[in-house]
Amino acid sequence: MNRRDFLRSNLVLGGPFAAVGAAGPKSTHRIVDAHCHAGKGLNYGREGAAPWTTFNDPAWLLRQAKEAGIDQSVIFPINNVTYEKANEEIAGYVRQYPGRFIGFAKHDPKTEAGRIRSRLTREVRELGLRGLKLHAVPSPEMLEVVADLHIPILVHPPQVDPCLEVIRTHPQIDFILAHLGSFASKDWQEHVRAIEAAKRLPNLYLETSSVVFFPYLERAARELPAEKLLFGSDGPLADPRVELFKIRLLKLPPEKETLVLGGNIRRLLRL
C-alpha cells in the first residue's frame, strides 16, 4: 500500500491519522504555529555544522505547514552572534510571503548590550516584527524596551526558575516559555515547574513545541486554562505536522483547541 492509499484508508476508516490527512486537518479556525525558525545562521554555507546554525529554508517550513493545515507561522532567526541582519532577513520573509509568516526579532543580551533598544524599536516600528525571541533571561535593557513597545517575549529558558522573578516583577509584559519549560523534555521537573508557575502568574504562558514526554503536555492541558497554552512546533527541524498531531491527541473540546491552536497567540499579538 502506498502513502496516498494508506492515508485514504485511514480517513475512511477513522484511523489514527484521520484528524490530519494528506492536506492537513479540517478546521473552521485559523491555526497559528507560535514557534518556528528561518534564515541564515552563523555557520551558513559551512558543511557539517549544526543545522540550527546554518540555514533554515522558509520554503521548507511553508511546505510542512501546508501539509499540516497550518495557516500562519511565527518565525525568528536561528543562531547568530548578533541579530540585526538576521532580523532584517526575517522581515523580508514576512514581506515575501504575505499572510503566511509573523515575524519576531531575536537578540542576545550580552553580545548586543547597549544596542538593543535602538535595534528592537526599529525592528518593531519600521520592519513590522511583532515580538522578541530569547535563549536567555531577559536583561533590564530588553525588559524596558519591550514594555514600551507592548510586545511579548518568547523565551527558550535555560532553566525555569531564573526566569520567574523577572516574569513576576514585570506584570505588564506577556512571557511565553517555550517547550513547556524544557526542550526535548531534557528535565521533566522543568515541565512541572513551568506548569505550576503558569497557574500563579497571570502574564505567563506555555508553548508546546518539542515536548518529548507527552504526559506533561496532557498535564498542562488538564491543569491549566486553555488560554495559557500556545501551539508551537519548533519547525522546520522539528516537524510541524508531528507537533500539531500531538495537540490533536490531547482531544480538547473544540472551543479550547481553537484557543491553543491560534486564538491565544493572536490575542497576545493583537491580531
C-alpha atoms as a PDB file:
ATOM      1  CA  MET A   1       0.000   0.000   0.000  1.00  0.00           C
ATOM      2  CA  ASN A   2       1.463   3.391  -0.951  1.00  0.00           C
ATOM      3  CA  ARG A   3       1.305   6.514   1.218  1.00  0.00           C
ATOM      4  CA  ARG A   4      -1.729   8.006  -0.545  1.00  0.00           C
ATOM      5  CA  ASP A   5      -3.745   4.781  -0.214  1.00  0.00           C
ATOM      6  CA  PHE A   6      -2.694   4.483   3.436  1.00  0.00           C
ATOM      7  CA  LEU A   7      -3.903   7.992   4.247  1.00  0.00           C
ATOM      8  CA  ARG A   8      -7.131   7.498   2.300  1.00  0.00           C
ATOM      9  CA  SER A   9      -7.900   4.271   4.172  1.00  0.00           C
ATOM     10  CA  ASN A  10      -7.307   5.981   7.499  1.00  0.00           C
ATOM     11  CA  LEU A  11      -9.625   8.835   6.584  1.00  0.00           C
ATOM     12  CA  VAL A  12     -12.379   6.454   5.538  1.00  0.00           C
ATOM     13  CA  LEU A  13     -11.993   4.102   8.475  1.00  0.00           C
ATOM     14  CA  GLY A  14     -11.355   6.786  11.094  1.00  0.00           C
ATOM     15  CA  GLY A  15      -7.795   5.589  11.727  1.00  0.00           C
ATOM     16  CA  PRO A  16      -5.163   7.367  13.825  1.00  0.00           C
ATOM     17  CA  PHE A  17      -4.271   9.807  11.059  1.00  0.00           C
ATOM     18  CA  ALA A  18      -7.851  10.751  10.208  1.00  0.00           C
ATOM     19  CA  ALA A  19      -7.516  14.086  12.003  1.00  0.00           C
ATOM     20  CA  VAL A  20      -4.599  15.126   9.817  1.00  0.00           C
ATOM     21  CA  GLY A  21      -4.999  13.648   6.337  1.00  0.00           C
ATOM     22  CA  ALA A  22      -2.926  14.352   3.266  1.00  0.00           C
ATOM     23  CA  ALA A  23      -3.927  18.016   3.009  1.00  0.00           C
ATOM     24  CA  GLY A  24      -3.922  18.831   6.714  1.00  0.00           C
ATOM     25  CA  PRO A  25      -6.667  18.844   9.341  1.00  0.00           C
ATOM     26  CA  LYS A  26     -10.088  20.202   8.538  1.00  0.00           C
ATOM     27  CA  SER A  27     -10.632  23.205  10.742  1.00  0.00           C
ATOM     28  CA  THR A  28     -13.002  26.128  10.989  1.00  0.00           C
ATOM     29  CA  HIS A  29     -10.489  28.269  12.895  1.00  0.00           C
ATOM     30  CA  ARG A  30      -7.140  29.787  11.981  1.00  0.00           C
ATOM     31  CA  ILE A  31      -4.148  27.677  13.054  1.00  0.00           C
ATOM     32  CA  VAL A  32      -1.040  29.641  14.013  1.00  0.00           C
ATOM     33  CA  ASP A  33       2.270  27.985  14.847  1.00  0.00           C
ATOM     34  CA  ALA A  34       3.874  30.174  17.516  1.00  0.00           C
ATOM     35  CA  HIS A  35       7.449  28.850  17.259  1.00  0.00           C
ATOM     36  CA  CYS A  36       9.399  28.449  14.005  1.00  0.00           C
ATOM     37  CA  HIS A  37      12.837  29.307  12.655  1.00  0.00           C
ATOM     38  CA  ALA A  38      14.019  30.679   9.323  1.00  0.00           C
ATOM     39  CA  GLY A  39      17.028  32.210   7.664  1.00  0.00           C
ATOM     40  CA  LYS A  40      20.798  32.095   7.821  1.00  0.00           C
ATOM     41  CA  GLY A  41      22.855  31.308  10.908  1.00  0.00           C
ATOM     42  CA  LEU A  42      26.418  31.888  11.988  1.00  0.00           C
ATOM     43  CA  ASN A  43      27.624  28.770  10.111  1.00  0.00           C
ATOM     44  CA  TYR A  44      25.754  29.456   6.873  1.00  0.00           C
ATOM     45  CA  GLY A  45      27.434  27.626   3.977  1.00  0.00           C
ATOM     46  CA  ARG A  46      29.635  25.512   6.253  1.00  0.00           C
ATOM     47  CA  GLU A  47      29.204  21.784   5.736  1.00  0.00           C
ATOM     48  CA  GLY A  48      28.834  19.559   8.772  1.00  0.00           C
ATOM     49  CA  ALA A  49      27.748  22.358  11.134  1.00  0.00           C
ATOM     50  CA  ALA A  50      24.723  22.018  13.402  1.00  0.00           C
ATOM     51  CA  PRO A  51      21.561  22.662  11.350  1.00  0.00           C
ATOM     52  CA  TRP A  52      20.288  25.293  13.794  1.00  0.00           C
ATOM     53  CA  THR A  53      23.391  27.360  12.902  1.00  0.00           C
ATOM     54  CA  THR A  54      23.371  27.021   9.094  1.00  0.00           C
ATOM     55  CA  PHE A  55      20.163  27.727   7.146  1.00  0.00           C
ATOM     56  CA  ASN A  56      16.501  27.013   7.761  1.00  0.00           C
ATOM     57  CA  ASP A  57      14.718  27.446   4.431  1.00  0.00           C
ATOM     58  CA  PRO A  58      11.348  29.201   4.804  1.00  0.00           C
ATOM     59  CA  ALA A  59      10.071  27.343   1.720  1.00  0.00           C
ATOM     60  CA  TRP A  60      10.661  24.072   3.581  1.00  0.00           C
ATOM     61  CA  LEU A  61       8.644  25.387   6.512  1.00  0.00           C
ATOM     62  CA  LEU A  62       5.827  26.510   4.211  1.00  0.00           C
ATOM     63  CA  ARG A  63       5.582  23.050   2.661  1.00  0.00           C
ATOM     64  CA  GLN A  64       5.290  21.443   6.091  1.00  0.00           C
ATOM     65  CA  ALA A  65       2.704  23.963   7.210  1.00  0.00           C
ATOM     66  CA  LYS A  66       0.612  23.493   4.079  1.00  0.00           C
ATOM     67  CA  GLU A  67       0.502  19.739   4.516  1.00  0.00           C
ATOM     68  CA  ALA A  68      -0.419  20.088   8.187  1.00  0.00           C
ATOM     69  CA  GLY A  69      -3.099  22.732   7.556  1.00  0.00           C
ATOM     70  CA  ILE A  70      -1.277  25.478   9.471  1.00  0.00           C
ATOM     71  CA  ASP A  71      -2.341  28.944   8.287  1.00  0.00           C
ATOM     72  CA  GLN A  72       0.428  31.118   9.735  1.00  0.00           C
ATOM     73  CA  SER A  73       3.793  30.584  11.402  1.00  0.00           C
ATOM     74  CA  VAL A  74       5.702  32.844  13.779  1.00  0.00           C
ATOM     75  CA  ILE A  75       9.315  32.913  12.541  1.00  0.00           C
ATOM     76  CA  PHE A  76      12.557  34.230  14.028  1.00  0.00           C
ATOM     77  CA  PRO A  77      16.280  33.778  13.327  1.00  0.00           C
ATOM     78  CA  ILE A  78      18.404  30.729  14.051  1.00  0.00           C
ATOM     79  CA  ASN A  79      21.691  31.043  15.963  1.00  0.00           C
ATOM     80  CA  ASN A  80      23.867  34.072  15.227  1.00  0.00           C
ATOM     81  CA  VAL A  81      26.324  36.127  17.266  1.00  0.00           C
ATOM     82  CA  THR A  82      24.321  39.326  16.775  1.00  0.00           C
ATOM     83  CA  TYR A  83      20.944  39.645  15.108  1.00  0.00           C
ATOM     84  CA  GLU A  84      20.431  42.944  13.307  1.00  0.00           C
ATOM     85  CA  LYS A  85      20.909  41.452   9.819  1.00  0.00           C
ATOM     86  CA  ALA A  86      19.120  38.228  10.736  1.00  0.00           C
ATOM     87  CA  ASN A  87      16.062  40.176  11.911  1.00  0.00           C
ATOM     88  CA  GLU A  88      16.037  42.128   8.649  1.00  0.00           C
ATOM     89  CA  GLU A  89      16.066  38.787   6.840  1.00  0.00           C
ATOM     90  CA  ILE A  90      13.029  37.656   8.856  1.00  0.00           C
ATOM     91  CA  ALA A  91      11.184  40.863   7.990  1.00  0.00           C
ATOM     92  CA  GLY A  92      11.990  40.176   4.339  1.00  0.00           C
ATOM     93  CA  TYR A  93      10.388  36.725   4.513  1.00  0.00           C
ATOM     94  CA  VAL A  94       7.263  38.246   6.064  1.00  0.00           C
ATOM     95  CA  ARG A  95       7.029  40.640   3.101  1.00  0.00           C
ATOM     96  CA  GLN A  96       7.807  37.868   0.601  1.00  0.00           C
ATOM     97  CA  TYR A  97       5.048  35.593   1.902  1.00  0.00           C
ATOM     98  CA  PRO A  98       2.249  37.942   2.998  1.00  0.00           C
ATOM     99  CA  GLY A  99      -0.229  36.367   5.364  1.00  0.00           C
ATOM    100  CA  ARG A 100       1.866  33.243   5.922  1.00  0.00           C
ATOM    101  CA  PHE A 101       4.512  34.479   8.365  1.00  0.00           C
ATOM    102  CA  ILE A 102       4.519  36.615  11.508  1.00  0.00           C
ATOM    103  CA  GLY A 103       7.991  37.887  12.347  1.00  0.00           C
ATOM    104  CA  PHE A 104       9.687  38.045  15.740  1.00  0.00           C
ATOM    105  CA  ALA A 105      13.069  39.632  16.395  1.00  0.00           C
ATOM    106  CA  LYS A 106      15.826  37.832  18.228  1.00  0.00           C
ATOM    107  CA  HIS A 107      18.623  39.408  20.284  1.00  0.00           C
ATOM    108  CA  ASP A 108      21.423  38.377  22.608  1.00  0.00           C
ATOM    109  CA  PRO A 109      21.519  40.290  25.910  1.00  0.00           C
ATOM    110  CA  LYS A 110      25.335  40.027  26.136  1.00  0.00           C
ATOM    111  CA  THR A 111      26.722  40.450  22.616  1.00  0.00           C
ATOM    112  CA  GLU A 112      24.280  43.250  21.799  1.00  0.00           C
ATOM    113  CA  ALA A 113      24.191  45.009  25.159  1.00  0.00           C
ATOM    114  CA  GLY A 114      23.634  48.738  24.834  1.00  0.00           C
ATOM    115  CA  ARG A 115      22.267  48.457  21.276  1.00  0.00           C
ATOM    116  CA  ILE A 116      19.054  46.532  21.832  1.00  0.00           C
ATOM    117  CA  ARG A 117      16.724  49.472  22.441  1.00  0.00           C
ATOM    118  CA  SER A 118      17.504  51.195  19.152  1.00  0.00           C
ATOM    119  CA  ARG A 119      17.581  47.988  17.129  1.00  0.00           C
ATOM    120  CA  LEU A 120      14.411  46.425  18.537  1.00  0.00           C
ATOM    121  CA  THR A 121      12.483  49.691  18.299  1.00  0.00           C
ATOM    122  CA  ARG A 122      13.330  49.925  14.598  1.00  0.00           C
ATOM    123  CA  GLU A 123      12.523  46.260  14.015  1.00  0.00           C
ATOM    124  CA  VAL A 124       9.084  46.598  15.564  1.00  0.00           C
ATOM    125  CA  ARG A 125       8.062  50.050  14.407  1.00  0.00           C
ATOM    126  CA  GLU A 126       9.682  50.110  10.947  1.00  0.00           C
ATOM    127  CA  LEU A 127      10.121  46.461   9.946  1.00  0.00           C
ATOM    128  CA  GLY A 128       6.855  45.235  11.469  1.00  0.00           C
ATOM    129  CA  LEU A 129       8.171  42.471  13.735  1.00  0.00           C
ATOM    130  CA  ARG A 130       5.712  41.533  16.476  1.00  0.00           C
ATOM    131  CA  GLY A 131       7.682  40.024  19.381  1.00  0.00           C
ATOM    132  CA  LEU A 132      11.076  39.090  20.826  1.00  0.00           C
ATOM    133  CA  LYS A 133      12.627  35.596  20.983  1.00  0.00           C
ATOM    134  CA  LEU A 134      15.360  34.833  23.553  1.00  0.00           C
ATOM    135  CA  HIS A 135      17.554  31.963  24.680  1.00  0.00           C
ATOM    136  CA  ALA A 136      18.370  33.715  27.946  1.00  0.00           C
ATOM    137  CA  VAL A 137      16.803  35.526  30.865  1.00  0.00           C
ATOM    138  CA  PRO A 138      15.903  38.975  29.504  1.00  0.00           C
ATOM    139  CA  SER A 139      18.137  41.823  30.609  1.00  0.00           C
ATOM    140  CA  PRO A 140      16.837  45.080  32.147  1.00  0.00           C
ATOM    141  CA  GLU A 141      17.590  46.815  28.838  1.00  0.00           C
ATOM    142  CA  MET A 142      15.379  44.334  26.996  1.00  0.00           C
ATOM    143  CA  LEU A 143      12.578  44.496  29.516  1.00  0.00           C
ATOM    144  CA  GLU A 144      12.411  48.272  29.354  1.00  0.00           C
ATOM    145  CA  VAL A 145      12.089  48.489  25.586  1.00  0.00           C
ATOM    146  CA  VAL A 146       9.718  45.505  25.349  1.00  0.00           C
ATOM    147  CA  ALA A 147       7.395  47.162  27.861  1.00  0.00           C
ATOM    148  CA  ASP A 148       7.468  50.375  25.826  1.00  0.00           C
ATOM    149  CA  LEU A 149       6.731  48.511  22.586  1.00  0.00           C
ATOM    150  CA  HIS A 150       3.951  46.351  24.099  1.00  0.00           C
ATOM    151  CA  ILE A 151       5.234  43.111  22.561  1.00  0.00           C
ATOM    152  CA  PRO A 152       5.513  39.627  24.097  1.00  0.00           C
ATOM    153  CA  ILE A 153       8.727  37.744  24.861  1.00  0.00           C
ATOM    154  CA  LEU A 154       9.098  34.102  23.843  1.00  0.00           C
ATOM    155  CA  VAL A 155      11.835  32.555  25.991  1.00  0.00           C
ATOM    156  CA  HIS A 156      13.658  29.282  25.452  1.00  0.00           C
ATOM    157  CA  PRO A 157      14.549  29.089  29.135  1.00  0.00           C
ATOM    158  CA  PRO A 158      18.000  27.980  30.253  1.00  0.00           C
ATOM    159  CA  GLN A 159      16.038  26.936  33.353  1.00  0.00           C
ATOM    160  CA  VAL A 160      12.573  27.885  34.523  1.00  0.00           C
ATOM    161  CA  ASP A 161      13.320  29.306  37.979  1.00  0.00           C
ATOM    162  CA  PRO A 162      15.729  32.090  36.880  1.00  0.00           C
ATOM    163  CA  CYS A 163      13.010  33.425  34.579  1.00  0.00           C
ATOM    164  CA  LEU A 164      10.255  33.531  37.181  1.00  0.00           C
ATOM    165  CA  GLU A 165      11.390  36.550  39.200  1.00  0.00           C
ATOM    166  CA  VAL A 166      11.602  38.627  36.018  1.00  0.00           C
ATOM    167  CA  ILE A 167       8.136  37.443  34.963  1.00  0.00           C
ATOM    168  CA  ARG A 168       6.672  38.156  38.408  1.00  0.00           C
ATOM    169  CA  THR A 169       8.145  41.662  38.610  1.00  0.00           C
ATOM    170  CA  HIS A 170       7.076  42.692  35.096  1.00  0.00           C
ATOM    171  CA  PRO A 171       3.320  42.006  35.012  1.00  0.00           C
ATOM    172  CA  GLN A 172       2.868  44.428  32.110  1.00  0.00           C
ATOM    173  CA  ILE A 173       4.829  42.084  29.791  1.00  0.00           C
ATOM    174  CA  ASP A 174       3.457  38.812  28.408  1.00  0.00           C
ATOM    175  CA  PHE A 175       6.012  35.997  28.647  1.00  0.00           C
ATOM    176  CA  ILE A 176       5.793  32.712  26.758  1.00  0.00           C
ATOM    177  CA  LEU A 177       8.005  29.849  27.957  1.00  0.00           C
ATOM    178  CA  ALA A 178       8.962  27.644  25.018  1.00  0.00           C
ATOM    179  CA  HIS A 179       8.964  23.838  25.151  1.00  0.00           C
ATOM    180  CA  LEU A 180       6.808  23.744  28.299  1.00  0.00           C
ATOM    181  CA  GLY A 181       9.977  24.856  30.095  1.00  0.00           C
ATOM    182  CA  SER A 182      12.372  22.131  28.875  1.00  0.00           C
ATOM    183  CA  PHE A 183      13.486  21.481  25.292  1.00  0.00           C
ATOM    184  CA  ALA A 184      13.022  17.815  24.343  1.00  0.00           C
ATOM    185  CA  SER A 185      11.972  17.092  27.953  1.00  0.00           C
ATOM    186  CA  LYS A 186      15.642  17.166  28.954  1.00  0.00           C
ATOM    187  CA  ASP A 187      14.494  17.716  32.550  1.00  0.00           C
ATOM    188  CA  TRP A 188      10.927  16.615  33.260  1.00  0.00           C
ATOM    189  CA  GLN A 189      10.908  18.580  36.524  1.00  0.00           C
ATOM    190  CA  GLU A 190      11.196  21.782  34.499  1.00  0.00           C
ATOM    191  CA  HIS A 191       7.873  20.905  32.867  1.00  0.00           C
ATOM    192  CA  VAL A 192       6.321  20.659  36.332  1.00  0.00           C
ATOM    193  CA  ARG A 193       7.866  23.969  37.426  1.00  0.00           C
ATOM    194  CA  ALA A 194       6.571  25.700  34.313  1.00  0.00           C
ATOM    195  CA  ILE A 195       3.042  24.348  34.742  1.00  0.00           C
ATOM    196  CA  GLU A 196       2.893  25.334  38.409  1.00  0.00           C
ATOM    197  CA  ALA A 197       4.276  28.807  37.657  1.00  0.00           C
ATOM    198  CA  ALA A 198       1.697  29.356  34.916  1.00  0.00           C
ATOM    199  CA  LYS A 199      -1.031  28.723  37.474  1.00  0.00           C
ATOM    200  CA  ARG A 200       0.277  31.564  39.665  1.00  0.00           C
ATOM    201  CA  LEU A 201       1.460  34.178  37.178  1.00  0.00           C
ATOM    202  CA  PRO A 202      -1.217  35.827  35.015  1.00  0.00           C
ATOM    203  CA  ASN A 203       1.326  37.041  32.426  1.00  0.00           C
ATOM    204  CA  LEU A 204       2.994  33.631  31.897  1.00  0.00           C
ATOM    205  CA  TYR A 205       2.016  31.336  29.020  1.00  0.00           C
ATOM    206  CA  LEU A 206       3.455  27.988  27.933  1.00  0.00           C
ATOM    207  CA  GLU A 207       4.278  26.899  24.392  1.00  0.00           C
ATOM    208  CA  THR A 208       4.072  23.253  23.382  1.00  0.00           C
ATOM    209  CA  SER A 209       6.896  22.515  20.933  1.00  0.00           C
ATOM    210  CA  SER A 210       9.433  19.700  21.252  1.00  0.00           C
ATOM    211  CA  VAL A 211       7.953  18.164  24.387  1.00  0.00           C
ATOM    212  CA  VAL A 212       9.029  14.519  24.200  1.00  0.00           C
ATOM    213  CA  PHE A 213       7.340  13.301  27.385  1.00  0.00           C
ATOM    214  CA  PHE A 214       3.730  13.592  26.260  1.00  0.00           C
ATOM    215  CA  PRO A 215       2.163  13.076  29.735  1.00  0.00           C
ATOM    216  CA  TYR A 216       3.385  16.567  30.672  1.00  0.00           C
ATOM    217  CA  LEU A 217       1.517  18.095  27.726  1.00  0.00           C
ATOM    218  CA  GLU A 218      -1.535  16.209  28.925  1.00  0.00           C
ATOM    219  CA  ARG A 219      -0.959  17.509  32.451  1.00  0.00           C
ATOM    220  CA  ALA A 220      -0.663  21.092  31.223  1.00  0.00           C
ATOM    221  CA  ALA A 221      -3.864  20.741  29.198  1.00  0.00           C
ATOM    222  CA  ARG A 222      -5.662  19.208  32.166  1.00  0.00           C
ATOM    223  CA  GLU A 223      -4.492  21.592  34.906  1.00  0.00           C
ATOM    224  CA  LEU A 224      -4.204  24.938  33.121  1.00  0.00           C
ATOM    225  CA  PRO A 225      -6.886  27.072  31.492  1.00  0.00           C
ATOM    226  CA  ALA A 226      -6.804  26.673  27.723  1.00  0.00           C
ATOM    227  CA  GLU A 227      -5.924  30.375  27.498  1.00  0.00           C
ATOM    228  CA  LYS A 228      -2.474  29.521  28.916  1.00  0.00           C
ATOM    229  CA  LEU A 229      -1.267  27.143  26.185  1.00  0.00           C
ATOM    230  CA  LEU A 230       0.072  28.071  22.734  1.00  0.00           C
ATOM    231  CA  PHE A 231       0.724  25.585  19.967  1.00  0.00           C
ATOM    232  CA  GLY A 232       4.258  25.734  18.605  1.00  0.00           C
ATOM    233  CA  SER A 233       6.340  23.312  16.563  1.00  0.00           C
ATOM    234  CA  ASP A 234       9.997  24.463  16.653  1.00  0.00           C
ATOM    235  CA  GLY A 235       9.892  23.891  12.901  1.00  0.00           C
ATOM    236  CA  PRO A 236      11.221  23.180  10.429  1.00  0.00           C
ATOM    237  CA  LEU A 237      13.766  20.899  12.162  1.00  0.00           C
ATOM    238  CA  ALA A 238      11.049  19.666  14.499  1.00  0.00           C
ATOM    239  CA  ASP A 239       8.245  18.776  12.114  1.00  0.00           C
ATOM    240  CA  PRO A 240       5.115  20.971  12.424  1.00  0.00           C
ATOM    241  CA  ARG A 241       2.982  18.080  11.160  1.00  0.00           C
ATOM    242  CA  VAL A 242       4.055  15.904  14.075  1.00  0.00           C
ATOM    243  CA  GLU A 243       3.791  18.683  16.654  1.00  0.00           C
ATOM    244  CA  LEU A 244       0.279  19.588  15.510  1.00  0.00           C
ATOM    245  CA  PHE A 245      -0.794  15.962  15.771  1.00  0.00           C
ATOM    246  CA  LYS A 246       0.304  15.996  19.436  1.00  0.00           C
ATOM    247  CA  ILE A 247      -2.223  18.758  20.094  1.00  0.00           C
ATOM    248  CA  ARG A 248      -4.919  16.726  18.350  1.00  0.00           C
ATOM    249  CA  LEU A 249      -4.074  13.801  20.631  1.00  0.00           C
ATOM    250  CA  LEU A 250      -4.983  15.926  23.654  1.00  0.00           C
ATOM    251  CA  LYS A 251      -8.630  15.660  22.490  1.00  0.00           C
ATOM    252  CA  LEU A 252      -9.530  19.100  23.775  1.00  0.00           C
ATOM    253  CA  PRO A 253     -13.072  20.423  23.431  1.00  0.00           C
ATOM    254  CA  PRO A 254     -13.356  22.412  20.187  1.00  0.00           C
ATOM    255  CA  GLU A 255     -13.509  25.803  21.917  1.00  0.00           C
ATOM    256  CA  LYS A 256     -10.326  25.060  23.893  1.00  0.00           C
ATOM    257  CA  GLU A 257      -8.476  23.625  20.914  1.00  0.00           C
ATOM    258  CA  THR A 258      -9.314  26.784  18.980  1.00  0.00           C
ATOM    259  CA  LEU A 259      -7.538  28.860  21.633  1.00  0.00           C
ATOM    260  CA  VAL A 260      -4.459  26.640  21.812  1.00  0.00           C
ATOM    261  CA  LEU A 261      -4.083  26.348  18.034  1.00  0.00           C
ATOM    262  CA  GLY A 262      -4.122  30.043  17.297  1.00  0.00           C
ATOM    263  CA  GLY A 263      -6.568  32.053  19.339  1.00  0.00           C
ATOM    264  CA  ASN A 264      -4.159  32.683  22.182  1.00  0.00           C
ATOM    265  CA  ILE A 265      -1.180  33.835  20.139  1.00  0.00           C
ATOM    266  CA  ARG A 266      -3.425  36.035  18.017  1.00  0.00           C
ATOM    267  CA  ARG A 267      -4.802  37.609  21.190  1.00  0.00           C
ATOM    268  CA  LEU A 268      -1.312  38.245  22.614  1.00  0.00           C
ATOM    269  CA  LEU A 269      -0.215  39.823  19.324  1.00  0.00           C
ATOM    270  CA  ARG A 270      -3.445  41.822  18.997  1.00  0.00           C
ATOM    271  CA  LEU A 271      -4.161  40.352  15.560  1.00  0.00           C
END
